[in-house]
Amino acid sequence: MQLDPRTTALVLIDLQQGIVAGDKGPRSGEEVVTTAKSLADRFRTAGAPVILVHVAVAPGNAPSRQVDKPSLPERTPPGFETLVDGLQHEGDIVVLKHHWGAFTGTDLDLQLRRRGVRTIVLAGIATNFGVESTARSAWELSYDVVVVEDACTSRSAELHDFAVANILPQIARLVSAEEVELAD
């Protein structure tokens, strides 16, 4: 897949201390970080924006907890939102979110539109939460969405696989990291 670096941005979701660790599937958080760092290097080299999204929740900025199975804590512990070591480079755009999706309550759309971005390449954790929610919003905002499947993971392989098989193909193109090429 050949992408124009002048109109494409890489958006990495929740590659942070409080989320990368722990059990994941179908691949570990560390595997996703390794693939994401490689993608980010390719985007930076091509002059395309790299956007690092991380999440922190506190009273007053959290989604409603009046649900049957809250997935976000009322407050994230100190250090939870710290990006993993070596991910952020000078010139990267950092977006702090307070919900699953990276567009709700942030300036992500403004940051992308100011740069003339029409295509976003998404990767991160968790496939069926932050990545899927961001993909849905991006698609609704008329962005072309590309999800790098092997740079995503979830709480389990089953959750990841469901999103990849049933939801994401309706709103995005699914590719492997190897298939992402930026034009010269």
N, C-alpha and C. Protein backbone atom coordinates (compact mmCIF):
# COMPACT_ATOMS: atom_id res chain seq x y z
N MET A 1 0.84 -1.17 0.00
CA MET A 1 0.00 0.00 0.00
C MET A 1 0.89 1.24 0.00
N GLN A 2 0.81 2.02 -1.06
CA GLN A 2 1.60 3.24 -1.21
C GLN A 2 0.80 4.42 -0.69
N LEU A 3 1.36 5.16 0.27
CA LEU A 3 0.69 6.29 0.90
C LEU A 3 1.49 7.57 0.67
N ASP A 4 0.79 8.67 0.55
CA ASP A 4 1.42 9.97 0.34
C ASP A 4 1.76 10.57 1.71
N PRO A 5 3.06 10.76 2.01
CA PRO A 5 3.43 11.29 3.33
C PRO A 5 2.94 12.72 3.57
N ARG A 6 2.57 13.44 2.50
CA ARG A 6 2.07 14.81 2.66
C ARG A 6 0.64 14.84 3.18
N THR A 7 -0.09 13.72 3.03
CA THR A 7 -1.50 13.70 3.43
C THR A 7 -1.83 12.52 4.35
N THR A 8 -0.79 11.91 4.91
CA THR A 8 -0.97 10.73 5.76
C THR A 8 -0.28 10.94 7.10
N ALA A 9 -0.90 10.49 8.17
CA ALA A 9 -0.31 10.55 9.51
C ALA A 9 -0.41 9.18 10.17
N LEU A 10 0.57 8.87 10.98
CA LEU A 10 0.55 7.67 11.82
C LEU A 10 0.00 8.08 13.18
N VAL A 11 -1.02 7.37 13.64
CA VAL A 11 -1.61 7.63 14.96
C VAL A 11 -1.45 6.36 15.79
N LEU A 12 -0.67 6.45 16.84
CA LEU A 12 -0.41 5.31 17.71
C LEU A 12 -1.21 5.49 19.01
N ILE A 13 -1.96 4.46 19.34
CA ILE A 13 -2.91 4.53 20.45
C ILE A 13 -2.40 3.82 21.71
N ASP A 14 -2.30 4.56 22.79
CA ASP A 14 -2.11 4.04 24.15
C ASP A 14 -0.89 3.14 24.35
N LEU A 15 0.20 3.50 23.72
CA LEU A 15 1.46 2.76 23.95
C LEU A 15 2.16 3.42 25.14
N GLN A 16 1.62 3.10 26.31
CA GLN A 16 2.01 3.76 27.54
C GLN A 16 2.23 2.73 28.64
N GLN A 17 2.92 3.17 29.69
CA GLN A 17 3.33 2.26 30.76
C GLN A 17 2.17 1.46 31.35
N GLY A 18 1.04 2.10 31.59
CA GLY A 18 -0.07 1.43 32.26
C GLY A 18 -0.87 0.48 31.38
N ILE A 19 -0.60 0.47 30.08
CA ILE A 19 -1.38 -0.37 29.17
C ILE A 19 -0.54 -1.45 28.48
N VAL A 20 0.68 -1.14 28.13
CA VAL A 20 1.52 -2.10 27.37
C VAL A 20 1.79 -3.36 28.18
N ALA A 21 2.03 -3.21 29.47
CA ALA A 21 2.33 -4.38 30.31
C ALA A 21 1.08 -5.24 30.50
N GLY A 22 1.28 -6.46 30.89
CA GLY A 22 0.16 -7.35 31.19
C GLY A 22 -0.18 -8.27 30.05
N ASP A 23 -1.12 -9.15 30.32
CA ASP A 23 -1.52 -10.15 29.33
C ASP A 23 -2.24 -9.50 28.16
N LYS A 24 -1.85 -9.90 26.97
CA LYS A 24 -2.43 -9.38 25.74
C LYS A 24 -2.57 -10.53 24.75
N GLY A 25 -3.34 -10.31 23.70
CA GLY A 25 -3.45 -11.30 22.64
C GLY A 25 -3.97 -10.65 21.38
N PRO A 26 -3.56 -11.06 20.25
CA PRO A 26 -2.77 -12.24 19.92
C PRO A 26 -1.26 -12.05 20.05
N ARG A 27 -0.83 -10.83 20.37
CA ARG A 27 0.61 -10.59 20.54
C ARG A 27 0.82 -9.76 21.80
N SER A 28 2.02 -9.74 22.30
CA SER A 28 2.33 -9.00 23.52
C SER A 28 2.38 -7.50 23.25
N GLY A 29 2.24 -6.73 24.31
CA GLY A 29 2.38 -5.29 24.19
C GLY A 29 3.75 -4.90 23.69
N GLU A 30 4.77 -5.63 24.11
CA GLU A 30 6.14 -5.33 23.68
C GLU A 30 6.31 -5.55 22.19
N GLU A 31 5.67 -6.59 21.65
CA GLU A 31 5.73 -6.83 20.20
C GLU A 31 5.07 -5.68 19.44
N VAL A 32 3.94 -5.21 19.93
CA VAL A 32 3.25 -4.08 19.29
C VAL A 32 4.13 -2.84 19.34
N VAL A 33 4.76 -2.58 20.48
CA VAL A 33 5.64 -1.41 20.61
C VAL A 33 6.79 -1.49 19.61
N THR A 34 7.40 -2.64 19.47
CA THR A 34 8.51 -2.81 18.53
C THR A 34 8.07 -2.50 17.10
N THR A 35 6.93 -3.05 16.71
CA THR A 35 6.41 -2.79 15.36
C THR A 35 6.04 -1.33 15.19
N ALA A 36 5.41 -0.74 16.20
CA ALA A 36 4.99 0.66 16.15
C ALA A 36 6.20 1.59 16.05
N LYS A 37 7.27 1.31 16.78
CA LYS A 37 8.48 2.14 16.71
C LYS A 37 9.07 2.10 15.30
N SER A 38 9.07 0.93 14.70
CA SER A 38 9.58 0.81 13.33
C SER A 38 8.72 1.62 12.36
N LEU A 39 7.40 1.51 12.49
CA LEU A 39 6.50 2.31 11.65
C LEU A 39 6.75 3.81 11.85
N ALA A 40 6.85 4.22 13.11
CA ALA A 40 7.07 5.64 13.42
C ALA A 40 8.36 6.14 12.78
N ASP A 41 9.41 5.35 12.82
CA ASP A 41 10.68 5.74 12.20
C ASP A 41 10.50 5.96 10.70
N ARG A 42 9.75 5.07 10.05
CA ARG A 42 9.49 5.20 8.61
C ARG A 42 8.69 6.45 8.30
N PHE A 43 7.70 6.77 9.13
CA PHE A 43 6.90 7.97 8.91
C PHE A 43 7.75 9.23 9.13
N ARG A 44 8.55 9.24 10.19
CA ARG A 44 9.40 10.41 10.45
C ARG A 44 10.37 10.63 9.29
N THR A 45 11.00 9.56 8.81
CA THR A 45 11.94 9.66 7.69
C THR A 45 11.27 10.23 6.45
N ALA A 46 10.02 9.86 6.23
CA ALA A 46 9.27 10.34 5.06
C ALA A 46 8.70 11.75 5.27
N GLY A 47 8.83 12.29 6.48
CA GLY A 47 8.30 13.62 6.77
C GLY A 47 6.82 13.64 7.09
N ALA A 48 6.24 12.48 7.38
CA ALA A 48 4.82 12.39 7.72
C ALA A 48 4.65 12.52 9.24
N PRO A 49 3.56 13.11 9.69
CA PRO A 49 3.35 13.29 11.12
C PRO A 49 3.18 11.97 11.88
N VAL A 50 3.74 11.95 13.08
CA VAL A 50 3.55 10.84 14.00
C VAL A 50 2.82 11.41 15.22
N ILE A 51 1.68 10.82 15.52
CA ILE A 51 0.87 11.30 16.63
C ILE A 51 0.78 10.20 17.68
N LEU A 52 1.19 10.53 18.88
CA LEU A 52 1.19 9.58 19.99
C LEU A 52 0.05 9.94 20.93
N VAL A 53 -0.91 9.04 21.02
CA VAL A 53 -2.09 9.27 21.85
C VAL A 53 -1.95 8.44 23.11
N HIS A 54 -2.18 9.07 24.26
CA HIS A 54 -2.19 8.32 25.52
C HIS A 54 -3.40 8.75 26.33
N VAL A 55 -3.75 7.93 27.31
CA VAL A 55 -4.97 8.16 28.07
C VAL A 55 -4.67 8.30 29.55
N ALA A 56 -5.40 9.22 30.18
CA ALA A 56 -5.39 9.36 31.63
C ALA A 56 -6.82 9.73 32.02
N VAL A 57 -7.26 9.21 33.13
CA VAL A 57 -8.63 9.45 33.59
C VAL A 57 -8.58 9.96 35.02
N ALA A 58 -9.39 10.97 35.29
CA ALA A 58 -9.53 11.50 36.65
C ALA A 58 -10.97 11.96 36.80
N PRO A 59 -11.44 12.08 38.03
CA PRO A 59 -12.81 12.59 38.23
C PRO A 59 -12.97 13.92 37.49
N GLY A 60 -14.09 14.06 36.80
CA GLY A 60 -14.35 15.27 36.05
C GLY A 60 -14.03 15.15 34.57
N ASN A 61 -13.19 14.16 34.19
CA ASN A 61 -12.91 13.98 32.77
C ASN A 61 -13.12 12.54 32.33
N ALA A 62 -13.76 11.76 33.16
CA ALA A 62 -13.95 10.34 32.85
C ALA A 62 -15.32 10.11 32.20
N PRO A 63 -15.41 9.08 31.37
CA PRO A 63 -16.71 8.71 30.83
C PRO A 63 -17.63 8.23 31.97
N SER A 64 -18.89 8.15 31.69
CA SER A 64 -19.86 7.69 32.68
C SER A 64 -19.48 6.30 33.19
N ARG A 65 -19.64 6.11 34.47
CA ARG A 65 -19.38 4.80 35.08
C ARG A 65 -20.69 4.05 35.30
N GLN A 66 -21.78 4.61 34.83
CA GLN A 66 -23.09 3.97 34.98
C GLN A 66 -23.29 2.97 33.84
N VAL A 67 -22.44 1.94 33.85
CA VAL A 67 -22.47 0.86 32.86
C VAL A 67 -22.34 -0.46 33.61
N ASP A 68 -22.65 -1.55 32.96
CA ASP A 68 -22.57 -2.85 33.62
C ASP A 68 -21.14 -3.31 33.91
N LYS A 69 -20.20 -3.00 33.02
CA LYS A 69 -18.81 -3.42 33.20
C LYS A 69 -17.86 -2.26 32.88
N PRO A 70 -17.64 -1.34 33.82
CA PRO A 70 -16.72 -0.23 33.53
C PRO A 70 -15.34 -0.77 33.15
N SER A 71 -14.77 -0.22 32.07
CA SER A 71 -13.45 -0.69 31.65
C SER A 71 -12.35 0.31 31.98
N LEU A 72 -12.73 1.55 32.22
CA LEU A 72 -11.75 2.55 32.61
C LEU A 72 -11.89 2.81 34.11
N PRO A 73 -10.77 2.96 34.81
CA PRO A 73 -10.85 3.26 36.25
C PRO A 73 -11.36 4.68 36.47
N GLU A 74 -11.79 4.97 37.68
CA GLU A 74 -12.21 6.35 37.99
C GLU A 74 -11.03 7.30 37.91
N ARG A 75 -9.87 6.79 38.23
CA ARG A 75 -8.64 7.59 38.20
C ARG A 75 -7.48 6.66 37.84
N THR A 76 -6.66 7.09 36.91
CA THR A 76 -5.48 6.28 36.56
C THR A 76 -4.37 6.58 37.57
N PRO A 77 -3.61 5.56 37.93
CA PRO A 77 -2.53 5.76 38.91
C PRO A 77 -1.39 6.59 38.33
N PRO A 78 -0.57 7.19 39.18
CA PRO A 78 0.58 7.97 38.70
C PRO A 78 1.46 7.13 37.78
N GLY A 79 1.89 7.72 36.67
CA GLY A 79 2.76 7.05 35.72
C GLY A 79 2.03 6.20 34.69
N PHE A 80 0.75 5.96 34.90
CA PHE A 80 -0.04 5.13 33.99
C PHE A 80 0.03 5.65 32.56
N GLU A 81 -0.05 6.98 32.40
CA GLU A 81 -0.13 7.57 31.07
C GLU A 81 1.23 7.85 30.42
N THR A 82 2.32 7.53 31.10
CA THR A 82 3.65 7.79 30.56
C THR A 82 3.91 6.91 29.34
N LEU A 83 4.26 7.55 28.22
CA LEU A 83 4.56 6.80 27.00
C LEU A 83 5.75 5.87 27.24
N VAL A 84 5.76 4.73 26.55
CA VAL A 84 6.86 3.78 26.71
C VAL A 84 8.17 4.41 26.27
N ASP A 85 9.25 3.96 26.87
CA ASP A 85 10.57 4.51 26.59
C ASP A 85 10.92 4.38 25.11
N GLY A 86 11.48 5.45 24.58
CA GLY A 86 11.98 5.44 23.21
C GLY A 86 10.94 5.66 22.14
N LEU A 87 9.68 5.83 22.52
CA LEU A 87 8.63 6.01 21.51
C LEU A 87 8.59 7.44 20.99
N GLN A 88 8.61 8.41 21.89
CA GLN A 88 8.46 9.81 21.49
C GLN A 88 9.78 10.39 21.01
N HIS A 89 9.72 11.07 19.85
CA HIS A 89 10.86 11.77 19.29
C HIS A 89 10.49 13.24 19.11
N GLU A 90 11.49 14.07 18.99
CA GLU A 90 11.25 15.49 18.75
C GLU A 90 10.40 15.66 17.49
N GLY A 91 9.41 16.51 17.58
CA GLY A 91 8.54 16.76 16.44
C GLY A 91 7.26 15.94 16.44
N ASP A 92 7.21 14.89 17.24
CA ASP A 92 5.97 14.10 17.34
C ASP A 92 4.90 14.94 18.03
N ILE A 93 3.67 14.67 17.68
CA ILE A 93 2.52 15.34 18.29
C ILE A 93 1.98 14.40 19.37
N VAL A 94 1.79 14.91 20.56
CA VAL A 94 1.27 14.10 21.66
C VAL A 94 -0.14 14.58 22.01
N VAL A 95 -1.07 13.63 22.06
CA VAL A 95 -2.46 13.93 22.37
C VAL A 95 -2.86 13.15 23.62
N LEU A 96 -3.36 13.86 24.61
CA LEU A 96 -3.88 13.22 25.83
C LEU A 96 -5.39 13.11 25.70
N LYS A 97 -5.89 11.89 25.85
CA LYS A 97 -7.34 11.66 25.77
C LYS A 97 -7.84 11.16 27.13
N HIS A 98 -9.16 11.19 27.27
CA HIS A 98 -9.77 10.77 28.53
C HIS A 98 -10.85 9.72 28.30
N HIS A 99 -10.95 9.23 27.10
CA HIS A 99 -11.95 8.25 26.69
C HIS A 99 -11.26 7.20 25.83
N TRP A 100 -12.00 6.21 25.35
CA TRP A 100 -11.41 5.22 24.46
C TRP A 100 -10.88 5.85 23.19
N GLY A 101 -11.69 6.66 22.54
CA GLY A 101 -11.33 7.22 21.24
C GLY A 101 -10.47 8.46 21.36
N ALA A 102 -9.61 8.65 20.36
CA ALA A 102 -8.65 9.75 20.38
C ALA A 102 -9.24 11.08 19.90
N PHE A 103 -10.44 11.06 19.32
CA PHE A 103 -11.03 12.30 18.83
C PHE A 103 -11.90 13.00 19.87
N THR A 104 -12.58 12.25 20.73
CA THR A 104 -13.51 12.83 21.69
C THR A 104 -12.76 13.68 22.71
N GLY A 105 -13.10 14.98 22.75
CA GLY A 105 -12.54 15.87 23.74
C GLY A 105 -11.08 16.24 23.55
N THR A 106 -10.53 16.02 22.35
CA THR A 106 -9.13 16.38 22.07
C THR A 106 -9.07 17.28 20.84
N ASP A 107 -7.87 17.74 20.52
CA ASP A 107 -7.68 18.55 19.31
C ASP A 107 -7.11 17.73 18.16
N LEU A 108 -7.27 16.40 18.20
CA LEU A 108 -6.69 15.55 17.17
C LEU A 108 -7.18 15.92 15.77
N ASP A 109 -8.49 16.10 15.60
CA ASP A 109 -9.02 16.45 14.28
C ASP A 109 -8.40 17.76 13.78
N LEU A 110 -8.31 18.75 14.64
CA LEU A 110 -7.71 20.03 14.28
C LEU A 110 -6.24 19.85 13.88
N GLN A 111 -5.49 19.07 14.66
CA GLN A 111 -4.07 18.83 14.35
C GLN A 111 -3.91 18.19 12.97
N LEU A 112 -4.77 17.23 12.66
CA LEU A 112 -4.69 16.54 11.37
C LEU A 112 -5.08 17.47 10.23
N ARG A 113 -6.19 18.15 10.37
CA ARG A 113 -6.68 19.03 9.28
C ARG A 113 -5.71 20.17 9.01
N ARG A 114 -5.09 20.72 10.03
CA ARG A 114 -4.10 21.79 9.84
C ARG A 114 -2.93 21.33 8.98
N ARG A 115 -2.64 20.04 9.04
CA ARG A 115 -1.52 19.49 8.29
C ARG A 115 -1.95 18.89 6.95
N GLY A 116 -3.21 19.01 6.62
CA GLY A 116 -3.70 18.50 5.34
C GLY A 116 -3.82 16.99 5.29
N VAL A 117 -3.92 16.36 6.45
CA VAL A 117 -4.00 14.89 6.51
C VAL A 117 -5.39 14.43 6.09
N ARG A 118 -5.41 13.45 5.19
CA ARG A 118 -6.66 12.84 4.75
C ARG A 118 -6.71 11.34 5.06
N THR A 119 -5.53 10.77 5.32
CA THR A 119 -5.44 9.34 5.63
C THR A 119 -4.74 9.17 6.97
N ILE A 120 -5.34 8.38 7.85
CA ILE A 120 -4.63 8.06 9.09
C ILE A 120 -4.35 6.57 9.13
N VAL A 121 -3.15 6.26 9.56
CA VAL A 121 -2.71 4.89 9.76
C VAL A 121 -2.72 4.68 11.26
N LEU A 122 -3.51 3.70 11.71
CA LEU A 122 -3.71 3.45 13.14
C LEU A 122 -3.05 2.17 13.60
N ALA A 123 -2.54 2.21 14.81
CA ALA A 123 -2.00 1.02 15.46
C ALA A 123 -2.03 1.27 16.96
N GLY A 124 -1.93 0.20 17.75
CA GLY A 124 -1.85 0.37 19.19
C GLY A 124 -2.65 -0.65 19.96
N ILE A 125 -2.97 -0.26 21.19
CA ILE A 125 -3.64 -1.14 22.15
C ILE A 125 -4.81 -0.35 22.74
N ALA A 126 -5.93 -0.88 22.81
CA ALA A 126 -6.38 -2.22 22.46
C ALA A 126 -7.19 -2.14 21.16
N THR A 127 -7.03 -3.16 20.36
CA THR A 127 -7.66 -3.21 19.05
C THR A 127 -9.13 -2.86 19.11
N ASN A 128 -9.85 -3.48 20.02
CA ASN A 128 -11.31 -3.33 20.07
C ASN A 128 -11.78 -2.21 21.00
N PHE A 129 -10.87 -1.46 21.56
CA PHE A 129 -11.24 -0.32 22.40
C PHE A 129 -10.69 0.97 21.77
N GLY A 130 -9.48 1.36 22.12
CA GLY A 130 -8.93 2.62 21.63
C GLY A 130 -8.74 2.68 20.14
N VAL A 131 -8.23 1.61 19.53
CA VAL A 131 -8.01 1.63 18.08
C VAL A 131 -9.34 1.65 17.35
N GLU A 132 -10.24 0.75 17.70
CA GLU A 132 -11.54 0.69 17.02
C GLU A 132 -12.33 1.97 17.22
N SER A 133 -12.37 2.51 18.42
CA SER A 133 -13.12 3.73 18.68
C SER A 133 -12.55 4.89 17.87
N THR A 134 -11.24 5.00 17.81
CA THR A 134 -10.60 6.06 17.02
C THR A 134 -10.87 5.86 15.54
N ALA A 135 -10.82 4.62 15.07
CA ALA A 135 -11.11 4.33 13.66
C ALA A 135 -12.55 4.71 13.32
N ARG A 136 -13.48 4.39 14.20
CA ARG A 136 -14.89 4.73 13.94
C ARG A 136 -15.05 6.25 13.79
N SER A 137 -14.49 7.00 14.74
CA SER A 137 -14.60 8.46 14.67
C SER A 137 -13.91 9.02 13.44
N ALA A 138 -12.73 8.52 13.12
CA ALA A 138 -12.00 8.99 11.93
C ALA A 138 -12.82 8.74 10.67
N TRP A 139 -13.40 7.56 10.56
CA TRP A 139 -14.23 7.23 9.41
C TRP A 139 -15.44 8.16 9.34
N GLU A 140 -16.08 8.42 10.49
CA GLU A 140 -17.23 9.32 10.53
C GLU A 140 -16.85 10.75 10.16
N LEU A 141 -15.59 11.12 10.40
CA LEU A 141 -15.09 12.44 10.04
C LEU A 141 -14.53 12.48 8.61
N SER A 142 -14.74 11.39 7.87
CA SER A 142 -14.37 11.27 6.45
C SER A 142 -12.88 11.11 6.19
N TYR A 143 -12.12 10.66 7.17
CA TYR A 143 -10.73 10.28 6.91
C TYR A 143 -10.71 8.90 6.28
N ASP A 144 -9.72 8.65 5.44
CA ASP A 144 -9.43 7.29 5.01
C ASP A 144 -8.64 6.66 6.15
N VAL A 145 -9.02 5.47 6.55
CA VAL A 145 -8.43 4.83 7.71
C VAL A 145 -7.74 3.53 7.30
N VAL A 146 -6.51 3.38 7.75
CA VAL A 146 -5.74 2.16 7.54
C VAL A 146 -5.34 1.65 8.92
N VAL A 147 -5.64 0.40 9.21
CA VAL A 147 -5.27 -0.19 10.49
C VAL A 147 -4.18 -1.22 10.25
N VAL A 148 -3.08 -1.08 10.96
CA VAL A 148 -1.96 -2.01 10.85
C VAL A 148 -2.21 -3.14 11.84
N GLU A 149 -2.73 -4.24 11.33
CA GLU A 149 -3.20 -5.34 12.18
C GLU A 149 -2.09 -5.91 13.07
N ASP A 150 -0.88 -6.07 12.53
CA ASP A 150 0.19 -6.67 13.33
C ASP A 150 0.88 -5.66 14.26
N ALA A 151 0.34 -4.46 14.32
CA ALA A 151 0.80 -3.46 15.29
C ALA A 151 -0.33 -3.14 16.27
N CYS A 152 -1.24 -4.10 16.42
CA CYS A 152 -2.36 -3.98 17.35
C CYS A 152 -2.47 -5.26 18.18
N THR A 153 -3.04 -5.11 19.35
CA THR A 153 -3.36 -6.26 20.20
C THR A 153 -4.44 -5.83 21.18
N SER A 154 -4.98 -6.79 21.91
CA SER A 154 -6.04 -6.49 22.86
C SER A 154 -5.85 -7.28 24.14
N ARG A 155 -6.89 -7.34 24.94
CA ARG A 155 -6.84 -8.10 26.19
C ARG A 155 -6.79 -9.60 25.92
N SER A 156 -7.27 -10.00 24.73
CA SER A 156 -7.24 -11.41 24.35
C SER A 156 -7.24 -11.49 22.83
N ALA A 157 -6.80 -12.62 22.32
CA ALA A 157 -6.83 -12.84 20.87
C ALA A 157 -8.26 -12.81 20.35
N GLU A 158 -9.21 -13.32 21.14
CA GLU A 158 -10.61 -13.35 20.71
C GLU A 158 -11.17 -11.94 20.51
N LEU A 159 -10.89 -11.03 21.42
CA LEU A 159 -11.36 -9.65 21.29
C LEU A 159 -10.73 -8.98 20.07
N HIS A 160 -9.44 -9.15 19.90
CA HIS A 160 -8.72 -8.61 18.74
C HIS A 160 -9.31 -9.16 17.45
N ASP A 161 -9.44 -10.48 17.38
CA ASP A 161 -9.90 -11.13 16.16
C ASP A 161 -11.32 -10.72 15.79
N PHE A 162 -12.19 -10.53 16.78
CA PHE A 162 -13.56 -10.11 16.48
C PHE A 162 -13.55 -8.75 15.79
N ALA A 163 -12.80 -7.79 16.34
CA ALA A 163 -12.74 -6.46 15.74
C ALA A 163 -12.16 -6.51 14.33
N VAL A 164 -11.10 -7.30 14.16
CA VAL A 164 -10.43 -7.41 12.86
C VAL A 164 -11.33 -8.07 11.82
N ALA A 165 -12.11 -9.05 12.23
CA ALA A 165 -12.96 -9.78 11.29
C ALA A 165 -14.29 -9.09 11.02
N ASN A 166 -14.83 -8.38 12.00
CA ASN A 166 -16.22 -7.93 11.90
C ASN A 166 -16.44 -6.42 11.88
N ILE A 167 -15.60 -5.66 12.51
CA ILE A 167 -15.84 -4.22 12.61
C ILE A 167 -14.90 -3.42 11.71
N LEU A 168 -13.63 -3.60 11.90
CA LEU A 168 -12.65 -2.75 11.21
C LEU A 168 -12.73 -2.83 9.68
N PRO A 169 -13.01 -3.99 9.07
CA PRO A 169 -13.09 -4.01 7.60
C PRO A 169 -14.20 -3.13 7.03
N GLN A 170 -15.17 -2.77 7.84
CA GLN A 170 -16.27 -1.92 7.36
C GLN A 170 -15.93 -0.43 7.40
N ILE A 171 -14.86 -0.07 8.12
CA ILE A 171 -14.51 1.34 8.27
C ILE A 171 -13.05 1.64 7.93
N ALA A 172 -12.29 0.60 7.60
CA ALA A 172 -10.85 0.79 7.37
C ALA A 172 -10.32 -0.27 6.42
N ARG A 173 -9.11 -0.02 5.97
CA ARG A 173 -8.36 -1.05 5.25
C ARG A 173 -7.39 -1.66 6.26
N LEU A 174 -7.30 -2.98 6.27
CA LEU A 174 -6.41 -3.69 7.18
C LEU A 174 -5.18 -4.15 6.42
N VAL A 175 -4.02 -3.83 7.00
CA VAL A 175 -2.75 -4.19 6.36
C VAL A 175 -1.77 -4.67 7.42
N SER A 176 -0.66 -5.22 6.95
CA SER A 176 0.45 -5.53 7.85
C SER A 176 1.44 -4.37 7.81
N ALA A 177 2.29 -4.28 8.79
CA ALA A 177 3.30 -3.22 8.84
C ALA A 177 4.17 -3.25 7.59
N GLU A 178 4.47 -4.43 7.14
CA GLU A 178 5.31 -4.60 5.94
C GLU A 178 4.67 -3.97 4.70
N GLU A 179 3.36 -3.95 4.65
CA GLU A 179 2.63 -3.43 3.48
C GLU A 179 2.55 -1.91 3.45
N VAL A 180 2.87 -1.24 4.54
CA VAL A 180 2.77 0.22 4.59
C VAL A 180 4.02 0.83 3.94
N GLU A 181 3.79 1.53 2.82
CA GLU A 181 4.88 2.19 2.11
C GLU A 181 4.53 3.66 1.93
N LEU A 182 5.51 4.50 2.16
CA LEU A 182 5.32 5.94 1.97
C LEU A 182 6.06 6.35 0.72
N ALA A 183 5.36 7.06 -0.18
CA ALA A 183 5.95 7.48 -1.44
C ALA A 183 7.12 8.42 -1.19
N ASP A 184 8.05 8.43 -2.10
CA ASP A 184 9.20 9.34 -2.00
C ASP A 184 8.83 10.75 -2.41
